[in-house]
Amino acid sequence: MSNSIFIHLVYNSALLFPVVILYTSFSFKKFEETRLKQMIVGFLIALIGIVIMSNPMKLTSGIFFDSRNILLGISAMFFPLISTLIAMVSMLLLRIFSGGDGMLTGVVNIITSVGIGLIWRALRHDFIVNSEKNHWAELLSVSVINHIFVF
């Protein structure tokens, strides 16, 4: 693995830590009731996504690799819909205006990541959040499914 690839992986991974802090900082039972908080969190997730997208690993002109699909999948799985939609639209606009050969693929990847996260949320979120059991294998499998669909 070249040094440049390793640096980009570490950088993108480090940018996902604020999402963990954001998630653990809010009481989501009360959080669901307040649209203003949902919008603020959406803009914070969008900001993190824009920072992630601002320093991608470039394969060729217009073809980028970064961790935006991880961020959007997690957002769709655990954050309110309004927060996720704000983040998704912001990142879609940035990817469209960035252009390049991979623009359409990038747009589809963003939408697919959110879609997979929302499907998981509809089917399993309440069970996982209210369960005492550790569900790391299920969360890992959702991540793998997300990556299979975006490649």
N, C-alpha and C. Protein backbone atom coordinates (compact mmCIF):
# COMPACT_ATOMS: atom_id res chain seq x y z
N MET A 1 0.85 -1.18 0.00
CA MET A 1 0.00 0.00 0.00
C MET A 1 0.89 1.23 0.00
N SER A 2 0.65 2.13 -0.92
CA SER A 2 1.48 3.33 -0.97
C SER A 2 1.16 4.25 0.19
N ASN A 3 2.12 5.10 0.52
CA ASN A 3 1.98 6.03 1.63
C ASN A 3 0.81 6.97 1.43
N SER A 4 0.58 7.42 0.20
CA SER A 4 -0.51 8.35 -0.10
C SER A 4 -1.88 7.72 0.18
N ILE A 5 -2.07 6.48 -0.20
CA ILE A 5 -3.33 5.80 0.05
C ILE A 5 -3.57 5.67 1.55
N PHE A 6 -2.55 5.30 2.30
CA PHE A 6 -2.65 5.16 3.75
C PHE A 6 -3.02 6.50 4.40
N ILE A 7 -2.40 7.58 3.97
CA ILE A 7 -2.69 8.90 4.52
C ILE A 7 -4.14 9.28 4.25
N HIS A 8 -4.64 9.03 3.04
CA HIS A 8 -6.04 9.34 2.72
C HIS A 8 -7.00 8.50 3.55
N LEU A 9 -6.70 7.22 3.76
CA LEU A 9 -7.56 6.37 4.58
C LEU A 9 -7.62 6.86 6.02
N VAL A 10 -6.48 7.20 6.59
CA VAL A 10 -6.44 7.71 7.96
C VAL A 10 -7.18 9.03 8.06
N TYR A 11 -6.98 9.93 7.12
CA TYR A 11 -7.63 11.23 7.11
C TYR A 11 -9.16 11.08 7.03
N ASN A 12 -9.63 10.26 6.11
CA ASN A 12 -11.07 10.06 5.96
C ASN A 12 -11.67 9.38 7.19
N SER A 13 -10.95 8.43 7.76
CA SER A 13 -11.44 7.76 8.97
C SER A 13 -11.51 8.74 10.14
N ALA A 14 -10.51 9.58 10.28
CA ALA A 14 -10.50 10.56 11.36
C ALA A 14 -11.67 11.54 11.24
N LEU A 15 -12.06 11.85 10.04
CA LEU A 15 -13.18 12.78 9.85
C LEU A 15 -14.53 12.16 10.21
N LEU A 16 -14.59 10.85 10.36
CA LEU A 16 -15.84 10.21 10.76
C LEU A 16 -16.04 10.25 12.28
N PHE A 17 -14.98 10.48 13.05
CA PHE A 17 -15.10 10.53 14.51
C PHE A 17 -16.03 11.63 15.01
N PRO A 18 -16.08 12.82 14.40
CA PRO A 18 -17.05 13.82 14.88
C PRO A 18 -18.50 13.34 14.80
N VAL A 19 -18.80 12.43 13.89
CA VAL A 19 -20.16 11.90 13.79
C VAL A 19 -20.48 11.08 15.03
N VAL A 20 -19.52 10.31 15.51
CA VAL A 20 -19.71 9.52 16.73
C VAL A 20 -19.96 10.47 17.91
N ILE A 21 -19.17 11.52 17.99
CA ILE A 21 -19.33 12.50 19.06
C ILE A 21 -20.70 13.17 18.96
N LEU A 22 -21.09 13.53 17.76
CA LEU A 22 -22.39 14.16 17.53
C LEU A 22 -23.52 13.23 17.95
N TYR A 23 -23.42 11.96 17.59
CA TYR A 23 -24.47 10.99 17.92
C TYR A 23 -24.58 10.79 19.43
N THR A 24 -23.45 10.70 20.11
CA THR A 24 -23.48 10.46 21.56
C THR A 24 -23.79 11.71 22.36
N SER A 25 -23.76 12.88 21.73
CA SER A 25 -24.00 14.13 22.44
C SER A 25 -25.48 14.50 22.55
N PHE A 26 -26.32 13.93 21.74
CA PHE A 26 -27.73 14.30 21.72
C PHE A 26 -28.59 13.19 22.30
N SER A 27 -29.62 13.60 23.02
CA SER A 27 -30.64 12.66 23.48
C SER A 27 -31.63 12.51 22.33
N PHE A 28 -31.66 11.35 21.71
CA PHE A 28 -32.47 11.20 20.51
C PHE A 28 -33.95 11.01 20.78
N LYS A 29 -34.35 10.71 21.99
CA LYS A 29 -35.77 10.66 22.29
C LYS A 29 -36.36 12.06 22.19
N LYS A 30 -35.68 13.04 22.76
CA LYS A 30 -36.11 14.43 22.66
C LYS A 30 -35.75 15.01 21.30
N PHE A 31 -34.67 14.51 20.74
CA PHE A 31 -34.13 15.01 19.49
C PHE A 31 -35.12 14.88 18.34
N GLU A 32 -35.86 13.79 18.31
CA GLU A 32 -36.81 13.54 17.23
C GLU A 32 -37.90 14.61 17.18
N GLU A 33 -38.17 15.24 18.32
CA GLU A 33 -39.27 16.19 18.40
C GLU A 33 -38.91 17.58 17.87
N THR A 34 -37.66 17.92 17.79
CA THR A 34 -37.25 19.28 17.47
C THR A 34 -36.66 19.36 16.07
N ARG A 35 -37.36 19.98 15.16
CA ARG A 35 -36.90 20.11 13.78
C ARG A 35 -35.64 20.97 13.69
N LEU A 36 -35.55 21.99 14.52
CA LEU A 36 -34.38 22.86 14.49
C LEU A 36 -33.11 22.07 14.81
N LYS A 37 -33.16 21.21 15.82
CA LYS A 37 -32.00 20.37 16.15
C LYS A 37 -31.67 19.42 15.00
N GLN A 38 -32.71 18.86 14.39
CA GLN A 38 -32.49 17.95 13.27
C GLN A 38 -31.80 18.68 12.11
N MET A 39 -32.21 19.93 11.87
CA MET A 39 -31.60 20.70 10.79
C MET A 39 -30.16 21.08 11.12
N ILE A 40 -29.90 21.46 12.37
CA ILE A 40 -28.54 21.80 12.78
C ILE A 40 -27.62 20.59 12.61
N VAL A 41 -28.09 19.44 13.08
CA VAL A 41 -27.28 18.22 12.93
C VAL A 41 -27.09 17.89 11.45
N GLY A 42 -28.11 18.09 10.63
CA GLY A 42 -27.98 17.86 9.19
C GLY A 42 -26.90 18.73 8.58
N PHE A 43 -26.86 20.00 8.96
CA PHE A 43 -25.82 20.90 8.44
C PHE A 43 -24.43 20.51 8.96
N LEU A 44 -24.36 20.02 10.21
CA LEU A 44 -23.06 19.56 10.73
C LEU A 44 -22.58 18.32 9.98
N ILE A 45 -23.49 17.38 9.71
CA ILE A 45 -23.12 16.19 8.93
C ILE A 45 -22.73 16.60 7.52
N ALA A 46 -23.47 17.54 6.94
CA ALA A 46 -23.12 18.04 5.60
C ALA A 46 -21.74 18.67 5.60
N LEU A 47 -21.43 19.44 6.63
CA LEU A 47 -20.11 20.07 6.73
C LEU A 47 -19.00 19.02 6.80
N ILE A 48 -19.21 17.99 7.62
CA ILE A 48 -18.24 16.90 7.71
C ILE A 48 -18.10 16.23 6.34
N GLY A 49 -19.22 16.00 5.66
CA GLY A 49 -19.19 15.38 4.33
C GLY A 49 -18.46 16.23 3.31
N ILE A 50 -18.66 17.53 3.35
CA ILE A 50 -17.98 18.42 2.42
C ILE A 50 -16.48 18.44 2.69
N VAL A 51 -16.10 18.40 3.96
CA VAL A 51 -14.67 18.33 4.28
C VAL A 51 -14.08 17.01 3.78
N ILE A 52 -14.83 15.92 3.98
CA ILE A 52 -14.37 14.62 3.47
C ILE A 52 -14.21 14.66 1.96
N MET A 53 -15.19 15.25 1.27
CA MET A 53 -15.16 15.30 -0.19
C MET A 53 -14.12 16.28 -0.72
N SER A 54 -13.67 17.20 0.13
CA SER A 54 -12.69 18.19 -0.30
C SER A 54 -11.27 17.64 -0.39
N ASN A 55 -11.04 16.50 0.23
CA ASN A 55 -9.71 15.90 0.18
C ASN A 55 -9.82 14.41 -0.18
N PRO A 56 -10.32 14.11 -1.37
CA PRO A 56 -10.46 12.71 -1.76
C PRO A 56 -9.13 12.15 -2.29
N MET A 57 -9.12 10.84 -2.39
CA MET A 57 -8.03 10.20 -3.10
C MET A 57 -8.46 10.18 -4.57
N LYS A 58 -7.69 10.83 -5.42
CA LYS A 58 -8.05 10.93 -6.84
C LYS A 58 -7.40 9.80 -7.62
N LEU A 59 -8.25 9.02 -8.30
CA LEU A 59 -7.73 7.95 -9.14
C LEU A 59 -7.33 8.53 -10.50
N THR A 60 -8.26 9.21 -11.13
CA THR A 60 -8.00 9.96 -12.37
C THR A 60 -8.84 11.22 -12.31
N SER A 61 -8.77 12.03 -13.31
CA SER A 61 -9.53 13.27 -13.34
C SER A 61 -11.03 12.99 -13.24
N GLY A 62 -11.65 13.53 -12.21
CA GLY A 62 -13.09 13.37 -12.03
C GLY A 62 -13.52 12.11 -11.32
N ILE A 63 -12.60 11.21 -10.99
CA ILE A 63 -12.93 9.97 -10.28
C ILE A 63 -12.25 10.01 -8.91
N PHE A 64 -13.09 10.09 -7.85
CA PHE A 64 -12.61 10.29 -6.49
C PHE A 64 -13.02 9.12 -5.60
N PHE A 65 -12.22 8.86 -4.58
CA PHE A 65 -12.57 7.89 -3.55
C PHE A 65 -12.47 8.59 -2.21
N ASP A 66 -13.52 8.47 -1.40
CA ASP A 66 -13.51 9.02 -0.06
C ASP A 66 -14.54 8.26 0.77
N SER A 67 -14.78 8.71 1.99
CA SER A 67 -15.67 7.97 2.90
C SER A 67 -17.06 8.58 3.00
N ARG A 68 -17.49 9.31 1.99
CA ARG A 68 -18.82 9.93 2.06
C ARG A 68 -19.93 8.90 2.13
N ASN A 69 -19.76 7.75 1.46
CA ASN A 69 -20.82 6.74 1.51
C ASN A 69 -20.96 6.14 2.90
N ILE A 70 -19.86 6.04 3.64
CA ILE A 70 -19.93 5.57 5.03
C ILE A 70 -20.69 6.58 5.87
N LEU A 71 -20.32 7.85 5.73
CA LEU A 71 -20.97 8.91 6.47
C LEU A 71 -22.47 8.95 6.19
N LEU A 72 -22.87 8.88 4.94
CA LEU A 72 -24.29 8.95 4.59
C LEU A 72 -25.05 7.71 5.02
N GLY A 73 -24.43 6.55 4.91
CA GLY A 73 -25.08 5.32 5.37
C GLY A 73 -25.34 5.35 6.86
N ILE A 74 -24.35 5.78 7.63
CA ILE A 74 -24.51 5.89 9.09
C ILE A 74 -25.55 6.94 9.43
N SER A 75 -25.51 8.05 8.72
CA SER A 75 -26.49 9.11 8.96
C SER A 75 -27.91 8.59 8.73
N ALA A 76 -28.12 7.89 7.64
CA ALA A 76 -29.45 7.35 7.34
C ALA A 76 -29.88 6.29 8.36
N MET A 77 -28.92 5.54 8.87
CA MET A 77 -29.25 4.48 9.82
C MET A 77 -29.62 5.02 11.19
N PHE A 78 -28.96 6.09 11.65
CA PHE A 78 -29.10 6.49 13.04
C PHE A 78 -29.59 7.91 13.29
N PHE A 79 -29.50 8.78 12.32
CA PHE A 79 -29.92 10.16 12.51
C PHE A 79 -31.31 10.36 11.89
N PRO A 80 -32.02 11.41 12.30
CA PRO A 80 -33.35 11.66 11.74
C PRO A 80 -33.31 11.91 10.22
N LEU A 81 -34.42 11.66 9.56
CA LEU A 81 -34.50 11.78 8.11
C LEU A 81 -34.14 13.18 7.63
N ILE A 82 -34.61 14.20 8.30
CA ILE A 82 -34.31 15.58 7.88
C ILE A 82 -32.80 15.82 7.89
N SER A 83 -32.12 15.36 8.93
CA SER A 83 -30.66 15.53 9.02
C SER A 83 -29.97 14.84 7.85
N THR A 84 -30.40 13.64 7.55
CA THR A 84 -29.81 12.87 6.46
C THR A 84 -30.07 13.53 5.11
N LEU A 85 -31.28 14.02 4.89
CA LEU A 85 -31.61 14.65 3.61
C LEU A 85 -30.81 15.93 3.39
N ILE A 86 -30.62 16.72 4.45
CA ILE A 86 -29.81 17.94 4.33
C ILE A 86 -28.38 17.57 3.94
N ALA A 87 -27.82 16.58 4.60
CA ALA A 87 -26.46 16.14 4.29
C ALA A 87 -26.38 15.59 2.88
N MET A 88 -27.35 14.77 2.49
CA MET A 88 -27.34 14.16 1.16
C MET A 88 -27.43 15.22 0.06
N VAL A 89 -28.35 16.15 0.18
CA VAL A 89 -28.50 17.18 -0.85
C VAL A 89 -27.24 18.03 -0.95
N SER A 90 -26.65 18.37 0.17
CA SER A 90 -25.41 19.17 0.16
C SER A 90 -24.30 18.45 -0.58
N MET A 91 -24.14 17.15 -0.28
CA MET A 91 -23.07 16.39 -0.92
C MET A 91 -23.39 16.11 -2.39
N LEU A 92 -24.66 15.93 -2.71
CA LEU A 92 -25.05 15.77 -4.12
C LEU A 92 -24.69 17.02 -4.92
N LEU A 93 -25.03 18.18 -4.38
CA LEU A 93 -24.72 19.43 -5.09
C LEU A 93 -23.22 19.59 -5.29
N LEU A 94 -22.44 19.30 -4.25
CA LEU A 94 -20.98 19.41 -4.38
C LEU A 94 -20.47 18.45 -5.45
N ARG A 95 -20.97 17.22 -5.45
CA ARG A 95 -20.48 16.23 -6.43
C ARG A 95 -20.89 16.61 -7.85
N ILE A 96 -22.09 17.15 -8.01
CA ILE A 96 -22.54 17.57 -9.34
C ILE A 96 -21.70 18.74 -9.84
N PHE A 97 -21.46 19.72 -8.98
CA PHE A 97 -20.68 20.88 -9.40
C PHE A 97 -19.19 20.57 -9.56
N SER A 98 -18.71 19.47 -8.94
CA SER A 98 -17.32 19.06 -9.14
C SER A 98 -17.12 18.49 -10.53
N GLY A 99 -18.18 17.90 -11.09
CA GLY A 99 -18.13 17.37 -12.45
C GLY A 99 -17.18 16.20 -12.60
N GLY A 100 -16.71 16.00 -13.80
CA GLY A 100 -15.76 14.95 -14.10
C GLY A 100 -16.42 13.67 -14.59
N ASP A 101 -15.59 12.73 -14.98
CA ASP A 101 -16.07 11.47 -15.55
C ASP A 101 -16.88 10.64 -14.55
N GLY A 102 -16.56 10.75 -13.28
CA GLY A 102 -17.24 9.94 -12.26
C GLY A 102 -18.40 10.64 -11.59
N MET A 103 -18.86 11.76 -12.14
CA MET A 103 -19.92 12.53 -11.49
C MET A 103 -21.21 11.73 -11.35
N LEU A 104 -21.67 11.10 -12.41
CA LEU A 104 -22.91 10.34 -12.35
C LEU A 104 -22.78 9.17 -11.38
N THR A 105 -21.65 8.48 -11.41
CA THR A 105 -21.41 7.38 -10.47
C THR A 105 -21.42 7.89 -9.04
N GLY A 106 -20.80 9.04 -8.80
CA GLY A 106 -20.78 9.63 -7.46
C GLY A 106 -22.17 9.96 -6.96
N VAL A 107 -23.00 10.50 -7.84
CA VAL A 107 -24.39 10.84 -7.48
C VAL A 107 -25.16 9.56 -7.14
N VAL A 108 -25.02 8.54 -7.95
CA VAL A 108 -25.71 7.26 -7.69
C VAL A 108 -25.22 6.66 -6.38
N ASN A 109 -23.92 6.73 -6.11
CA ASN A 109 -23.37 6.19 -4.86
C ASN A 109 -23.95 6.90 -3.64
N ILE A 110 -24.08 8.21 -3.71
CA ILE A 110 -24.64 8.98 -2.60
C ILE A 110 -26.08 8.55 -2.34
N ILE A 111 -26.87 8.47 -3.39
CA ILE A 111 -28.28 8.10 -3.24
C ILE A 111 -28.41 6.65 -2.76
N THR A 112 -27.58 5.75 -3.28
CA THR A 112 -27.61 4.34 -2.88
C THR A 112 -27.25 4.17 -1.41
N SER A 113 -26.22 4.87 -0.95
CA SER A 113 -25.80 4.77 0.45
C SER A 113 -26.92 5.20 1.39
N VAL A 114 -27.57 6.30 1.06
CA VAL A 114 -28.69 6.76 1.89
C VAL A 114 -29.85 5.76 1.82
N GLY A 115 -30.13 5.25 0.64
CA GLY A 115 -31.21 4.28 0.49
C GLY A 115 -31.00 3.02 1.32
N ILE A 116 -29.79 2.48 1.30
CA ILE A 116 -29.49 1.28 2.08
C ILE A 116 -29.63 1.57 3.57
N GLY A 117 -29.12 2.72 4.00
CA GLY A 117 -29.25 3.09 5.41
C GLY A 117 -30.70 3.26 5.84
N LEU A 118 -31.52 3.86 4.98
CA LEU A 118 -32.93 4.06 5.31
C LEU A 118 -33.70 2.74 5.34
N ILE A 119 -33.37 1.83 4.43
CA ILE A 119 -34.02 0.51 4.44
C ILE A 119 -33.69 -0.22 5.74
N TRP A 120 -32.40 -0.20 6.13
CA TRP A 120 -32.01 -0.84 7.39
C TRP A 120 -32.75 -0.19 8.56
N ARG A 121 -32.82 1.13 8.56
CA ARG A 121 -33.50 1.84 9.65
C ARG A 121 -34.96 1.42 9.75
N ALA A 122 -35.63 1.32 8.63
CA ALA A 122 -37.05 0.95 8.64
C ALA A 122 -37.25 -0.48 9.16
N LEU A 123 -36.31 -1.36 8.86
CA LEU A 123 -36.47 -2.77 9.22
C LEU A 123 -35.91 -3.14 10.59
N ARG A 124 -34.81 -2.50 11.00
CA ARG A 124 -34.09 -3.02 12.17
C ARG A 124 -33.72 -2.00 13.25
N HIS A 125 -33.84 -0.73 13.02
CA HIS A 125 -33.33 0.29 13.94
C HIS A 125 -33.87 0.13 15.36
N ASP A 126 -35.19 0.08 15.52
CA ASP A 126 -35.77 0.02 16.86
C ASP A 126 -35.33 -1.24 17.60
N PHE A 127 -35.28 -2.35 16.90
CA PHE A 127 -34.84 -3.60 17.53
C PHE A 127 -33.40 -3.49 18.03
N ILE A 128 -32.52 -2.96 17.21
CA ILE A 128 -31.11 -2.85 17.57
C ILE A 128 -30.90 -1.87 18.72
N VAL A 129 -31.53 -0.70 18.63
CA VAL A 129 -31.33 0.34 19.64
C VAL A 129 -31.90 -0.09 20.99
N ASN A 130 -33.00 -0.82 21.00
CA ASN A 130 -33.64 -1.21 22.25
C ASN A 130 -33.15 -2.55 22.79
N SER A 131 -32.24 -3.18 22.10
CA SER A 131 -31.74 -4.49 22.50
C SER A 131 -30.52 -4.35 23.41
N GLU A 132 -30.40 -5.25 24.34
CA GLU A 132 -29.23 -5.29 25.22
C GLU A 132 -28.06 -6.01 24.55
N LYS A 133 -28.35 -6.79 23.54
CA LYS A 133 -27.35 -7.60 22.85
C LYS A 133 -26.48 -6.74 21.94
N ASN A 134 -25.25 -7.14 21.75
CA ASN A 134 -24.32 -6.46 20.84
C ASN A 134 -24.58 -6.95 19.41
N HIS A 135 -24.84 -6.03 18.51
CA HIS A 135 -25.19 -6.39 17.13
C HIS A 135 -24.11 -5.95 16.14
N TRP A 136 -22.86 -6.09 16.50
CA TRP A 136 -21.78 -5.62 15.64
C TRP A 136 -21.76 -6.35 14.31
N ALA A 137 -22.10 -7.64 14.30
CA ALA A 137 -22.05 -8.41 13.05
C ALA A 137 -23.10 -7.88 12.05
N GLU A 138 -24.27 -7.52 12.55
CA GLU A 138 -25.30 -6.97 11.66
C GLU A 138 -24.88 -5.61 11.11
N LEU A 139 -24.33 -4.77 11.97
CA LEU A 139 -23.88 -3.46 11.52
C LEU A 139 -22.74 -3.58 10.51
N LEU A 140 -21.85 -4.52 10.73
CA LEU A 140 -20.77 -4.77 9.79
C LEU A 140 -21.32 -5.26 8.46
N SER A 141 -22.32 -6.13 8.50
CA SER A 141 -22.89 -6.65 7.25
C SER A 141 -23.60 -5.54 6.46
N VAL A 142 -24.25 -4.59 7.15
CA VAL A 142 -24.86 -3.46 6.45
C VAL A 142 -23.79 -2.63 5.76
N SER A 143 -22.66 -2.45 6.43
CA SER A 143 -21.54 -1.71 5.83
C SER A 143 -21.00 -2.42 4.60
N VAL A 144 -20.86 -3.73 4.68
CA VAL A 144 -20.37 -4.49 3.53
C VAL A 144 -21.36 -4.42 2.38
N ILE A 145 -22.64 -4.54 2.67
CA ILE A 145 -23.66 -4.42 1.62
C ILE A 145 -23.59 -3.07 0.97
N ASN A 146 -23.44 -2.03 1.77
CA ASN A 146 -23.33 -0.66 1.25
C ASN A 146 -22.14 -0.56 0.29
N HIS A 147 -21.00 -1.12 0.67
CA HIS A 147 -19.82 -1.04 -0.18
C HIS A 147 -19.94 -1.87 -1.44
N ILE A 148 -20.63 -2.99 -1.36
CA ILE A 148 -20.84 -3.80 -2.56
C ILE A 148 -21.66 -3.02 -3.59
N PHE A 149 -22.69 -2.33 -3.10
CA PHE A 149 -23.56 -1.58 -4.02
C PHE A 149 -22.90 -0.33 -4.59
N VAL A 150 -21.97 0.27 -3.86
CA VAL A 150 -21.37 1.50 -4.37
C VAL A 150 -20.14 1.24 -5.23
N PHE A 151 -19.70 -0.02 -5.31
CA PHE A 151 -18.59 -0.32 -6.22
C PHE A 151 -19.17 -0.83 -7.47
